[in-house]
Structure formats: C-alpha cells, structure tokens
Amino acid sequence: MIGRLGPVLAAVVVLSGSGAAQAAAAQPVPEIMAALGDSISTGFNACGWYVSCTSRSWSAGDNREVTSHYLRLSRMSGTLQKHNLNYAVPGATSADLLGQVRKAVAAKADYVTILVGAQDACVRTEQAMTSVEVYRRRMEAALAELRAGMPQARVLIASIPDLRRLWQVGKANPLARTFWTAGRICQTMLANPSSVKKADNERRARVRARVLAYNRAAAEACAAFGPGCRTDGGAVFSFPFTLDHVSKWDFFHPNVLGQRVLAEQTFKNGFDWLDPR
C-alpha cells in the first residue's frame, strides 16, 4: 500500500507526536484493554472463510502467533490477563466509533486501541467516501467521550493502511483481481484493477490522499486529547506489506502474518510501558 511517502505523510508523522516529541514517562500496564474499530481489529478472515477471528487480533487477541498488544502487556503484569475486550465490528466506519467507545467506558477499559477509517474510504464510489471533516468530528467526539468517562485511559490510534499499496502488490495476481471484482471489495481503490488508464490512476491517487487525510485528522484529534493518546506515527500506513500479509480468502484483510506485523508496528511505536517485573 505505499510507494513513495510524500510531504503529506511527513505531516502525519509530525502531528502524531511520535519519536522524541512523544517521549514521556513509562506508563503502568493497564488492567483492562479494549480493541475498537473495524474488521481488521476483529481478525477477520485470519483463520477461516469470512469470519472474525478475535483470537488473532493484533490488539486484543490471545493467539501466540500474532503476539498482540494484549499478550505483550499481560506478560508484564498478570492483572490484564483475561481482561481483553474486543468491541470492533466488521464493516464499522468512523460513525460507529462513538458507540464502541461507550462500551469501553462502561467496561472501565484503561487502554484502548483504535483502527478505523478503511471502510470510510472503501465504498462503491468516491462521492460516498466520508468527508475528512466528518471523519475528524467523529474522531474528536469519540475521544472526548472516552476522556470524560475514563480520564486516565491510554489510547493508541493505529494509522489506516495504504490501500493503494494493496492494489500495487495484487494487481498482477489473477486470484486477487477475481476476488476484488467478484466481491466488490473496496471499489473506490480496487475497481478495474488491471487498468492503468489515467482516470483510474487518478482515482486511486485521490482515494490514497483521502486515507492520508484521515490519518492526519486522527493524529490531530489524538494530540488534542493530551498525553494519554498516542498514534503509531504512520507506521502501519508506511509498512511495505506484500500479498504474504493478506488473507487468501479475500486478498484484502490481514492474515496471521499481517496481524503480527500490525501488532509489532503499533506496539513499538506506541506507549513506553513500565514493566513491573
């Protein structure tokens, strides 16, 4: 999903508060965590045909092959064990995030991961994509609700993957093209996958720009939340994944290897956790 990273992605990284600007005192290991977002965080298609595999979620899963945030943190402190909640829903968009946050608040989750926005861009037409301003308002409202209900909660916002890279690595694969077309998967980006016509290339560039803008809006909302929020600094967006990282059930969702990469990239670019051992 990436190609060359331009100044827009650089802005995302700067706004994310990662690196030196993100440095802060180590955080205590949470007692309850919750995964919020869409099908990626449910481990969709990571273990079977069109089913969610929450055990293989990069965030709250307990499958050892993935080594999720939950497993990494529960190894530091037993207080988190069996307190891994997953409120993500396949097909969820930014419009669903507030409802998921309310569930996390009710559960008193003190660590929340958010990965949402791919489905705001992956629609039938460009005109149907969520506007950047609407995405921003929804993200701000969800984070405000979380701050009001769980003011001490830590929040990790993962960047939306680069959808154009998926087209780039899969366009020459006949099976991938068949699944994308027959399943009408992410048509804003993946329609006419064999075409290199100017109109199709420009459409893909516009969708990629929308995803970058979502990531920037999320980073800005995270910065406004305060020191309790981190982003991955664009790590997921920039990761040079291949078809080896996606499910062969749909050539779209991350498989076990893809989920493991998500866990690695987001964890190392997230909070500095205080290991009590």
C-alpha atoms as a PDB file:
ATOM      1  CA  MET A   1       0.000   0.000   0.000  1.00  0.00           C
ATOM      2  CA  ILE A   2       2.700   2.636  -0.021  1.00  0.00           C
ATOM      3  CA  GLY A   3       5.035   3.696  -2.760  1.00  0.00           C
ATOM      4  CA  ARG A   4       6.879   6.924  -2.081  1.00  0.00           C
ATOM      5  CA  LEU A   5       5.948   8.816   1.054  1.00  0.00           C
ATOM      6  CA  GLY A   6       5.435  12.454   0.325  1.00  0.00           C
ATOM      7  CA  PRO A   7       5.119  15.587   2.439  1.00  0.00           C
ATOM      8  CA  VAL A   8       1.554  14.719   3.435  1.00  0.00           C
ATOM      9  CA  LEU A   9       2.680  11.554   5.209  1.00  0.00           C
ATOM     10  CA  ALA A  10       5.505  13.526   6.783  1.00  0.00           C
ATOM     11  CA  ALA A  11       2.849  15.816   8.219  1.00  0.00           C
ATOM     12  CA  VAL A  12       1.037  12.810   9.639  1.00  0.00           C
ATOM     13  CA  VAL A  13       4.189  11.633  11.364  1.00  0.00           C
ATOM     14  CA  VAL A  14       4.890  15.088  12.804  1.00  0.00           C
ATOM     15  CA  LEU A  15       1.313  15.513  14.010  1.00  0.00           C
ATOM     16  CA  SER A  16       1.262  12.068  15.542  1.00  0.00           C
ATOM     17  CA  GLY A  17       3.564  13.049  18.356  1.00  0.00           C
ATOM     18  CA  SER A  18       5.776  10.034  17.804  1.00  0.00           C
ATOM     19  CA  GLY A  19       9.525   9.819  18.369  1.00  0.00           C
ATOM     20  CA  ALA A  20      11.263  12.361  20.568  1.00  0.00           C
ATOM     21  CA  ALA A  21       8.205  14.604  20.760  1.00  0.00           C
ATOM     22  CA  GLN A  22       6.208  11.625  22.002  1.00  0.00           C
ATOM     23  CA  ALA A  23       8.666  10.663  24.721  1.00  0.00           C
ATOM     24  CA  ALA A  24       7.116  10.606  28.180  1.00  0.00           C
ATOM     25  CA  ALA A  25       7.340   8.724  31.436  1.00  0.00           C
ATOM     26  CA  ALA A  26       6.677   5.000  31.166  1.00  0.00           C
ATOM     27  CA  GLN A  27       3.041   4.069  31.640  1.00  0.00           C
ATOM     28  CA  PRO A  28       1.793   1.411  34.079  1.00  0.00           C
ATOM     29  CA  VAL A  29       0.457  -1.741  32.427  1.00  0.00           C
ATOM     30  CA  PRO A  30      -3.341  -1.482  32.038  1.00  0.00           C
ATOM     31  CA  GLU A  31      -5.816  -3.655  33.899  1.00  0.00           C
ATOM     32  CA  ILE A  32      -8.470  -3.779  31.165  1.00  0.00           C
ATOM     33  CA  MET A  33      -7.993  -3.189  27.447  1.00  0.00           C
ATOM     34  CA  ALA A  34     -10.416  -2.866  24.554  1.00  0.00           C
ATOM     35  CA  ALA A  35      -9.978  -3.009  20.791  1.00  0.00           C
ATOM     36  CA  LEU A  36     -12.161  -0.620  18.797  1.00  0.00           C
ATOM     37  CA  GLY A  37     -12.585  -0.260  15.068  1.00  0.00           C
ATOM     38  CA  ASP A  38     -13.479  -2.387  12.072  1.00  0.00           C
ATOM     39  CA  SER A  39     -12.841  -5.866  10.690  1.00  0.00           C
ATOM     40  CA  ILE A  40      -9.061  -5.532  10.817  1.00  0.00           C
ATOM     41  CA  SER A  41      -9.174  -5.463  14.609  1.00  0.00           C
ATOM     42  CA  THR A  42     -11.540  -8.438  14.745  1.00  0.00           C
ATOM     43  CA  GLY A  43      -9.011 -10.587  12.864  1.00  0.00           C
ATOM     44  CA  PHE A  44     -11.499 -11.024  10.040  1.00  0.00           C
ATOM     45  CA  ASN A  45     -10.521 -13.828   7.620  1.00  0.00           C
ATOM     46  CA  ALA A  46      -7.371 -14.603   9.617  1.00  0.00           C
ATOM     47  CA  CYS A  47      -8.497 -18.138  10.466  1.00  0.00           C
ATOM     48  CA  GLY A  48     -11.347 -19.090   8.151  1.00  0.00           C
ATOM     49  CA  TRP A  49     -13.815 -18.200   5.437  1.00  0.00           C
ATOM     50  CA  TYR A  50     -15.386 -14.787   6.087  1.00  0.00           C
ATOM     51  CA  VAL A  51     -15.425 -14.990   9.869  1.00  0.00           C
ATOM     52  CA  SER A  52     -13.935 -12.832  12.604  1.00  0.00           C
ATOM     53  CA  CYS A  53     -11.018 -14.431  14.441  1.00  0.00           C
ATOM     54  CA  THR A  54     -10.746 -12.227  17.520  1.00  0.00           C
ATOM     55  CA  SER A  55      -8.080 -14.502  18.997  1.00  0.00           C
ATOM     56  CA  ARG A  56      -5.842 -13.354  16.139  1.00  0.00           C
ATOM     57  CA  SER A  57      -6.485  -9.654  16.534  1.00  0.00           C
ATOM     58  CA  TRP A  58      -3.331  -7.509  16.533  1.00  0.00           C
ATOM     59  CA  SER A  59      -4.772  -5.659  19.506  1.00  0.00           C
ATOM     60  CA  ALA A  60      -6.677  -7.866  21.950  1.00  0.00           C
ATOM     61  CA  GLY A  61      -6.083 -11.374  20.579  1.00  0.00           C
ATOM     62  CA  ASP A  62      -4.568 -14.224  22.552  1.00  0.00           C
ATOM     63  CA  ASN A  63      -3.061 -16.253  19.698  1.00  0.00           C
ATOM     64  CA  ARG A  64       0.664 -16.735  20.236  1.00  0.00           C
ATOM     65  CA  GLU A  65       1.444 -16.496  16.519  1.00  0.00           C
ATOM     66  CA  VAL A  66       0.240 -12.892  16.484  1.00  0.00           C
ATOM     67  CA  THR A  67       1.797 -11.679  19.765  1.00  0.00           C
ATOM     68  CA  SER A  68      -0.809  -8.960  20.187  1.00  0.00           C
ATOM     69  CA  HIS A  69      -0.732  -5.933  22.465  1.00  0.00           C
ATOM     70  CA  TYR A  70      -2.744  -7.957  24.961  1.00  0.00           C
ATOM     71  CA  LEU A  71      -0.219 -10.808  25.094  1.00  0.00           C
ATOM     72  CA  ARG A  72       2.749  -8.467  25.295  1.00  0.00           C
ATOM     73  CA  LEU A  73       1.202  -6.473  28.136  1.00  0.00           C
ATOM     74  CA  SER A  74      -0.193  -9.440  30.050  1.00  0.00           C
ATOM     75  CA  ARG A  75       3.315 -10.895  30.169  1.00  0.00           C
ATOM     76  CA  MET A  76       4.378  -7.779  32.046  1.00  0.00           C
ATOM     77  CA  SER A  77       1.512  -7.920  34.521  1.00  0.00           C
ATOM     78  CA  GLY A  78      -0.998 -10.618  35.375  1.00  0.00           C
ATOM     79  CA  THR A  79      -3.653  -8.025  36.188  1.00  0.00           C
ATOM     80  CA  LEU A  80      -4.511  -7.742  32.497  1.00  0.00           C
ATOM     81  CA  GLN A  81      -4.949 -11.472  31.884  1.00  0.00           C
ATOM     82  CA  LYS A  82      -8.420 -12.358  30.573  1.00  0.00           C
ATOM     83  CA  HIS A  83      -9.354  -8.672  30.543  1.00  0.00           C
ATOM     84  CA  ASN A  84      -9.029  -8.295  26.773  1.00  0.00           C
ATOM     85  CA  LEU A  85     -12.223  -6.934  25.232  1.00  0.00           C
ATOM     86  CA  ASN A  86     -12.941  -6.526  21.543  1.00  0.00           C
ATOM     87  CA  TYR A  87     -15.703  -4.135  20.513  1.00  0.00           C
ATOM     88  CA  ALA A  88     -14.542  -3.767  16.914  1.00  0.00           C
ATOM     89  CA  VAL A  89     -17.114  -4.754  14.281  1.00  0.00           C
ATOM     90  CA  PRO A  90     -16.608  -5.806  10.649  1.00  0.00           C
ATOM     91  CA  GLY A  91     -17.765  -3.043   8.341  1.00  0.00           C
ATOM     92  CA  ALA A  92     -17.596  -0.366  11.027  1.00  0.00           C
ATOM     93  CA  THR A  93     -16.828   3.179   9.969  1.00  0.00           C
ATOM     94  CA  SER A  94     -15.961   6.282  11.951  1.00  0.00           C
ATOM     95  CA  ALA A  95     -19.709   6.683  12.536  1.00  0.00           C
ATOM     96  CA  ASP A  96     -19.650   3.594  14.760  1.00  0.00           C
ATOM     97  CA  LEU A  97     -16.686   4.616  16.879  1.00  0.00           C
ATOM     98  CA  LEU A  98     -18.631   6.610  19.476  1.00  0.00           C
ATOM     99  CA  GLY A  99     -20.839   3.629  20.297  1.00  0.00           C
ATOM    100  CA  GLN A 100     -17.793   1.416  20.683  1.00  0.00           C
ATOM    101  CA  VAL A 101     -16.137   3.975  22.968  1.00  0.00           C
ATOM    102  CA  ARG A 102     -19.212   3.970  25.193  1.00  0.00           C
ATOM    103  CA  LYS A 103     -18.881   0.205  25.595  1.00  0.00           C
ATOM    104  CA  ALA A 104     -15.209   0.601  26.504  1.00  0.00           C
ATOM    105  CA  VAL A 105     -16.084   3.262  29.084  1.00  0.00           C
ATOM    106  CA  ALA A 106     -18.798   1.055  30.586  1.00  0.00           C
ATOM    107  CA  ALA A 107     -16.220  -1.739  30.869  1.00  0.00           C
ATOM    108  CA  LYS A 108     -13.745   0.682  32.506  1.00  0.00           C
ATOM    109  CA  ALA A 109     -11.070  -0.070  29.929  1.00  0.00           C
ATOM    110  CA  ASP A 110      -7.922   1.867  30.783  1.00  0.00           C
ATOM    111  CA  TYR A 111      -6.189   1.024  27.486  1.00  0.00           C
ATOM    112  CA  VAL A 112      -7.984   1.391  24.174  1.00  0.00           C
ATOM    113  CA  THR A 113      -6.718   0.781  20.647  1.00  0.00           C
ATOM    114  CA  ILE A 114      -8.436   2.347  17.650  1.00  0.00           C
ATOM    115  CA  LEU A 115      -8.070   1.442  14.000  1.00  0.00           C
ATOM    116  CA  VAL A 116     -10.918   2.800  11.923  1.00  0.00           C
ATOM    117  CA  GLY A 117     -11.289   4.541   8.572  1.00  0.00           C
ATOM    118  CA  ALA A 118     -10.612   1.968   5.871  1.00  0.00           C
ATOM    119  CA  GLN A 119     -14.349   1.438   5.483  1.00  0.00           C
ATOM    120  CA  ASP A 120     -14.889   5.198   5.277  1.00  0.00           C
ATOM    121  CA  ALA A 121     -12.791   5.108   2.105  1.00  0.00           C
ATOM    122  CA  CYS A 122     -13.669   1.616   0.837  1.00  0.00           C
ATOM    123  CA  VAL A 123     -17.098   2.294  -0.631  1.00  0.00           C
ATOM    124  CA  ARG A 124     -18.668   1.954  -4.085  1.00  0.00           C
ATOM    125  CA  THR A 125     -17.929   5.474  -5.312  1.00  0.00           C
ATOM    126  CA  GLU A 126     -15.649   8.351  -4.408  1.00  0.00           C
ATOM    127  CA  GLN A 127     -18.676  10.508  -3.725  1.00  0.00           C
ATOM    128  CA  ALA A 128     -19.766   8.078  -0.984  1.00  0.00           C
ATOM    129  CA  MET A 129     -16.477   8.355   0.937  1.00  0.00           C
ATOM    130  CA  THR A 130     -16.715  10.019   4.335  1.00  0.00           C
ATOM    131  CA  SER A 131     -15.501  13.607   4.141  1.00  0.00           C
ATOM    132  CA  VAL A 132     -12.368  14.475   6.079  1.00  0.00           C
ATOM    133  CA  GLU A 133     -14.232  16.986   8.235  1.00  0.00           C
ATOM    134  CA  VAL A 134     -16.904  14.454   9.178  1.00  0.00           C
ATOM    135  CA  TYR A 135     -14.227  11.873   9.978  1.00  0.00           C
ATOM    136  CA  ARG A 136     -12.426  14.439  12.119  1.00  0.00           C
ATOM    137  CA  ARG A 137     -15.584  15.394  14.041  1.00  0.00           C
ATOM    138  CA  ARG A 138     -16.426  11.756  14.707  1.00  0.00           C
ATOM    139  CA  MET A 139     -12.932  11.008  15.963  1.00  0.00           C
ATOM    140  CA  GLU A 140     -12.948  14.094  18.192  1.00  0.00           C
ATOM    141  CA  ALA A 141     -16.369  13.220  19.609  1.00  0.00           C
ATOM    142  CA  ALA A 142     -15.315   9.647  20.364  1.00  0.00           C
ATOM    143  CA  LEU A 143     -12.119  10.741  22.106  1.00  0.00           C
ATOM    144  CA  ALA A 144     -13.987  13.403  24.086  1.00  0.00           C
ATOM    145  CA  GLU A 145     -16.430  10.739  25.279  1.00  0.00           C
ATOM    146  CA  LEU A 146     -13.555   8.498  26.318  1.00  0.00           C
ATOM    147  CA  ARG A 147     -11.762  11.309  28.140  1.00  0.00           C
ATOM    148  CA  ALA A 148     -14.950  12.226  30.005  1.00  0.00           C
ATOM    149  CA  GLY A 149     -15.735   8.651  31.000  1.00  0.00           C
ATOM    150  CA  MET A 150     -12.206   7.314  31.582  1.00  0.00           C
ATOM    151  CA  PRO A 151      -9.936  10.348  32.000  1.00  0.00           C
ATOM    152  CA  GLN A 152      -6.905   8.191  32.895  1.00  0.00           C
ATOM    153  CA  ALA A 153      -7.279   5.865  29.915  1.00  0.00           C
ATOM    154  CA  ARG A 154      -4.436   5.480  27.431  1.00  0.00           C
ATOM    155  CA  VAL A 155      -5.384   5.479  23.735  1.00  0.00           C
ATOM    156  CA  LEU A 156      -3.382   4.107  20.803  1.00  0.00           C
ATOM    157  CA  ILE A 157      -4.596   5.107  17.337  1.00  0.00           C
ATOM    158  CA  ALA A 158      -3.206   2.977  14.520  1.00  0.00           C
ATOM    159  CA  SER A 159      -2.893   4.551  11.093  1.00  0.00           C
ATOM    160  CA  ILE A 160      -5.115   3.267   8.297  1.00  0.00           C
ATOM    161  CA  PRO A 161      -3.156   1.059   5.868  1.00  0.00           C
ATOM    162  CA  ASP A 162      -2.209   2.401   2.459  1.00  0.00           C
ATOM    163  CA  LEU A 163      -4.944   0.964   0.262  1.00  0.00           C
ATOM    164  CA  ARG A 164      -3.116   1.822  -2.936  1.00  0.00           C
ATOM    165  CA  ARG A 165      -0.239  -0.438  -1.995  1.00  0.00           C
ATOM    166  CA  LEU A 166      -2.711  -3.318  -1.822  1.00  0.00           C
ATOM    167  CA  TRP A 167      -3.609  -2.621  -5.445  1.00  0.00           C
ATOM    168  CA  GLN A 168       0.073  -2.315  -6.352  1.00  0.00           C
ATOM    169  CA  VAL A 169       1.088  -5.676  -4.865  1.00  0.00           C
ATOM    170  CA  GLY A 170      -2.018  -7.549  -6.015  1.00  0.00           C
ATOM    171  CA  LYS A 171      -2.897  -6.166  -9.432  1.00  0.00           C
ATOM    172  CA  ALA A 172      -0.822  -8.798 -11.262  1.00  0.00           C
ATOM    173  CA  ASN A 173      -2.367 -11.683  -9.317  1.00  0.00           C
ATOM    174  CA  PRO A 174      -5.353 -13.215 -11.162  1.00  0.00           C
ATOM    175  CA  LEU A 175      -6.919 -14.569  -7.948  1.00  0.00           C
ATOM    176  CA  ALA A 176      -6.649 -11.218  -6.201  1.00  0.00           C
ATOM    177  CA  ARG A 177      -8.248  -9.428  -9.140  1.00  0.00           C
ATOM    178  CA  THR A 178     -11.042 -12.031  -9.231  1.00  0.00           C
ATOM    179  CA  PHE A 179     -11.819 -11.676  -5.525  1.00  0.00           C
ATOM    180  CA  TRP A 180     -11.745  -7.890  -5.651  1.00  0.00           C
ATOM    181  CA  THR A 181     -14.084  -7.796  -8.638  1.00  0.00           C
ATOM    182  CA  ALA A 182     -16.496 -10.588  -7.693  1.00  0.00           C
ATOM    183  CA  GLY A 183     -16.698  -9.465  -4.080  1.00  0.00           C
ATOM    184  CA  ARG A 184     -16.859  -5.758  -4.969  1.00  0.00           C
ATOM    185  CA  ILE A 185     -14.103  -5.186  -2.414  1.00  0.00           C
ATOM    186  CA  CYS A 186     -13.062  -1.570  -1.825  1.00  0.00           C
ATOM    187  CA  GLN A 187     -14.257  -0.438  -5.211  1.00  0.00           C
ATOM    188  CA  THR A 188     -13.014   3.118  -4.826  1.00  0.00           C
ATOM    189  CA  MET A 189      -9.491   1.733  -4.931  1.00  0.00           C
ATOM    190  CA  LEU A 190      -9.745  -1.763  -6.421  1.00  0.00           C
ATOM    191  CA  ALA A 191     -12.283  -1.373  -9.239  1.00  0.00           C
ATOM    192  CA  ASN A 192     -10.829  -2.099 -12.700  1.00  0.00           C
ATOM    193  CA  PRO A 193      -7.655  -3.494 -11.110  1.00  0.00           C
ATOM    194  CA  SER A 194      -5.936  -4.220 -14.443  1.00  0.00           C
ATOM    195  CA  SER A 195      -6.473  -0.718 -15.780  1.00  0.00           C
ATOM    196  CA  VAL A 196      -3.622   1.760 -15.897  1.00  0.00           C
ATOM    197  CA  LYS A 197      -5.681   4.432 -17.621  1.00  0.00           C
ATOM    198  CA  LYS A 198      -5.185   7.977 -16.428  1.00  0.00           C
ATOM    199  CA  ALA A 199      -8.684   8.199 -14.948  1.00  0.00           C
ATOM    200  CA  ASP A 200      -8.211   5.046 -12.885  1.00  0.00           C
ATOM    201  CA  ASN A 201      -4.756   6.073 -11.682  1.00  0.00           C
ATOM    202  CA  GLU A 202      -6.058   9.486 -10.693  1.00  0.00           C
ATOM    203  CA  ARG A 203      -8.985   7.881  -8.835  1.00  0.00           C
ATOM    204  CA  ARG A 204      -6.578   5.680  -6.860  1.00  0.00           C
ATOM    205  CA  ALA A 205      -4.408   8.688  -6.032  1.00  0.00           C
ATOM    206  CA  ARG A 206      -7.438  10.597  -4.722  1.00  0.00           C
ATOM    207  CA  VAL A 207      -8.502   7.688  -2.503  1.00  0.00           C
ATOM    208  CA  ARG A 208      -4.965   7.384  -1.154  1.00  0.00           C
ATOM    209  CA  ALA A 209      -4.969  11.118  -0.430  1.00  0.00           C
ATOM    210  CA  ARG A 210      -8.244  10.694   1.479  1.00  0.00           C
ATOM    211  CA  VAL A 211      -6.717   7.970   3.641  1.00  0.00           C
ATOM    212  CA  LEU A 212      -3.712  10.193   4.347  1.00  0.00           C
ATOM    213  CA  ALA A 213      -6.094  12.987   5.330  1.00  0.00           C
ATOM    214  CA  TYR A 214      -7.964  10.647   7.690  1.00  0.00           C
ATOM    215  CA  ASN A 215      -4.680   9.677   9.317  1.00  0.00           C
ATOM    216  CA  ARG A 216      -3.739  13.326   9.708  1.00  0.00           C
ATOM    217  CA  ALA A 217      -7.137  14.152  11.226  1.00  0.00           C
ATOM    218  CA  ALA A 218      -6.831  11.262  13.676  1.00  0.00           C
ATOM    219  CA  ALA A 219      -3.338  12.403  14.685  1.00  0.00           C
ATOM    220  CA  GLU A 220      -4.618  15.928  15.319  1.00  0.00           C
ATOM    221  CA  ALA A 221      -7.528  14.628  17.401  1.00  0.00           C
ATOM    222  CA  CYS A 222      -5.097  12.460  19.343  1.00  0.00           C
ATOM    223  CA  ALA A 223      -2.821  15.423  20.060  1.00  0.00           C
ATOM    224  CA  ALA A 224      -5.821  17.396  21.328  1.00  0.00           C
ATOM    225  CA  PHE A 225      -6.741  14.519  23.660  1.00  0.00           C
ATOM    226  CA  GLY A 226      -3.496  15.042  25.540  1.00  0.00           C
ATOM    227  CA  PRO A 227      -0.553  12.912  26.689  1.00  0.00           C
ATOM    228  CA  GLY A 228      -2.793   9.892  27.205  1.00  0.00           C
ATOM    229  CA  CYS A 229      -3.094   9.400  23.445  1.00  0.00           C
ATOM    230  CA  ARG A 230      -0.506   8.111  21.005  1.00  0.00           C
ATOM    231  CA  THR A 231      -0.524   7.223  17.323  1.00  0.00           C
ATOM    232  CA  ASP A 232       1.794   4.831  15.531  1.00  0.00           C
ATOM    233  CA  GLY A 233       3.380   7.747  13.684  1.00  0.00           C
ATOM    234  CA  GLY A 234       2.164   6.419  10.331  1.00  0.00           C
ATOM    235  CA  ALA A 235       3.913   3.055  10.828  1.00  0.00           C
ATOM    236  CA  VAL A 236       1.024   0.910   9.613  1.00  0.00           C
ATOM    237  CA  PHE A 237       0.420   3.142   6.600  1.00  0.00           C
ATOM    238  CA  SER A 238       4.085   3.063   5.647  1.00  0.00           C
ATOM    239  CA  PHE A 239       4.780  -0.622   6.164  1.00  0.00           C
ATOM    240  CA  PRO A 240       5.758  -2.249   2.813  1.00  0.00           C
ATOM    241  CA  PHE A 241       3.445  -5.231   3.072  1.00  0.00           C
ATOM    242  CA  THR A 242       3.050  -7.862   0.360  1.00  0.00           C
ATOM    243  CA  LEU A 243       0.408 -10.430  -0.558  1.00  0.00           C
ATOM    244  CA  ASP A 244       2.063 -12.701   2.009  1.00  0.00           C
ATOM    245  CA  HIS A 245       0.477 -10.493   4.674  1.00  0.00           C
ATOM    246  CA  VAL A 246      -3.124 -10.695   3.439  1.00  0.00           C
ATOM    247  CA  SER A 247      -5.767 -13.397   3.651  1.00  0.00           C
ATOM    248  CA  LYS A 248      -6.153 -15.632   0.615  1.00  0.00           C
ATOM    249  CA  TRP A 249      -9.888 -15.732   1.385  1.00  0.00           C
ATOM    250  CA  ASP A 250     -10.318 -12.175   0.058  1.00  0.00           C
ATOM    251  CA  PHE A 251      -6.875 -10.662  -0.690  1.00  0.00           C
ATOM    252  CA  PHE A 252      -7.804  -7.721   1.486  1.00  0.00           C
ATOM    253  CA  HIS A 253      -7.745  -8.414   5.227  1.00  0.00           C
ATOM    254  CA  PRO A 254      -4.515  -9.182   7.110  1.00  0.00           C
ATOM    255  CA  ASN A 255      -3.789 -12.865   7.687  1.00  0.00           C
ATOM    256  CA  VAL A 256      -1.935 -14.152  10.768  1.00  0.00           C
ATOM    257  CA  LEU A 257       1.373 -12.778   9.496  1.00  0.00           C
ATOM    258  CA  GLY A 258      -0.290  -9.464   8.663  1.00  0.00           C
ATOM    259  CA  GLN A 259      -1.848  -9.267  12.126  1.00  0.00           C
ATOM    260  CA  ARG A 260       1.556  -9.961  13.675  1.00  0.00           C
ATOM    261  CA  VAL A 261       3.089  -7.140  11.677  1.00  0.00           C
ATOM    262  CA  LEU A 262       0.302  -4.811  12.814  1.00  0.00           C
ATOM    263  CA  ALA A 263       0.984  -5.759  16.426  1.00  0.00           C
ATOM    264  CA  GLU A 264       4.731  -5.208  16.041  1.00  0.00           C
ATOM    265  CA  GLN A 265       4.483  -1.892  14.225  1.00  0.00           C
ATOM    266  CA  THR A 266       1.893  -0.379  16.542  1.00  0.00           C
ATOM    267  CA  PHE A 267       3.379  -1.652  19.794  1.00  0.00           C
ATOM    268  CA  LYS A 268       6.896  -0.388  19.171  1.00  0.00           C
ATOM    269  CA  ASN A 269       5.558   2.982  18.024  1.00  0.00           C
ATOM    270  CA  GLY A 270       3.034   3.343  20.843  1.00  0.00           C
ATOM    271  CA  PHE A 271       3.469   3.761  24.591  1.00  0.00           C
ATOM    272  CA  ASP A 272       6.541   3.106  26.658  1.00  0.00           C
ATOM    273  CA  TRP A 273       5.134   0.660  29.199  1.00  0.00           C
ATOM    274  CA  LEU A 274       6.506   0.270  32.699  1.00  0.00           C
ATOM    275  CA  ASP A 275       7.352  -3.386  33.231  1.00  0.00           C
ATOM    276  CA  PRO A 276       6.686  -4.128  36.923  1.00  0.00           C
ATOM    277  CA  ARG A 277       8.778  -7.284  36.944  1.00  0.00           C
END
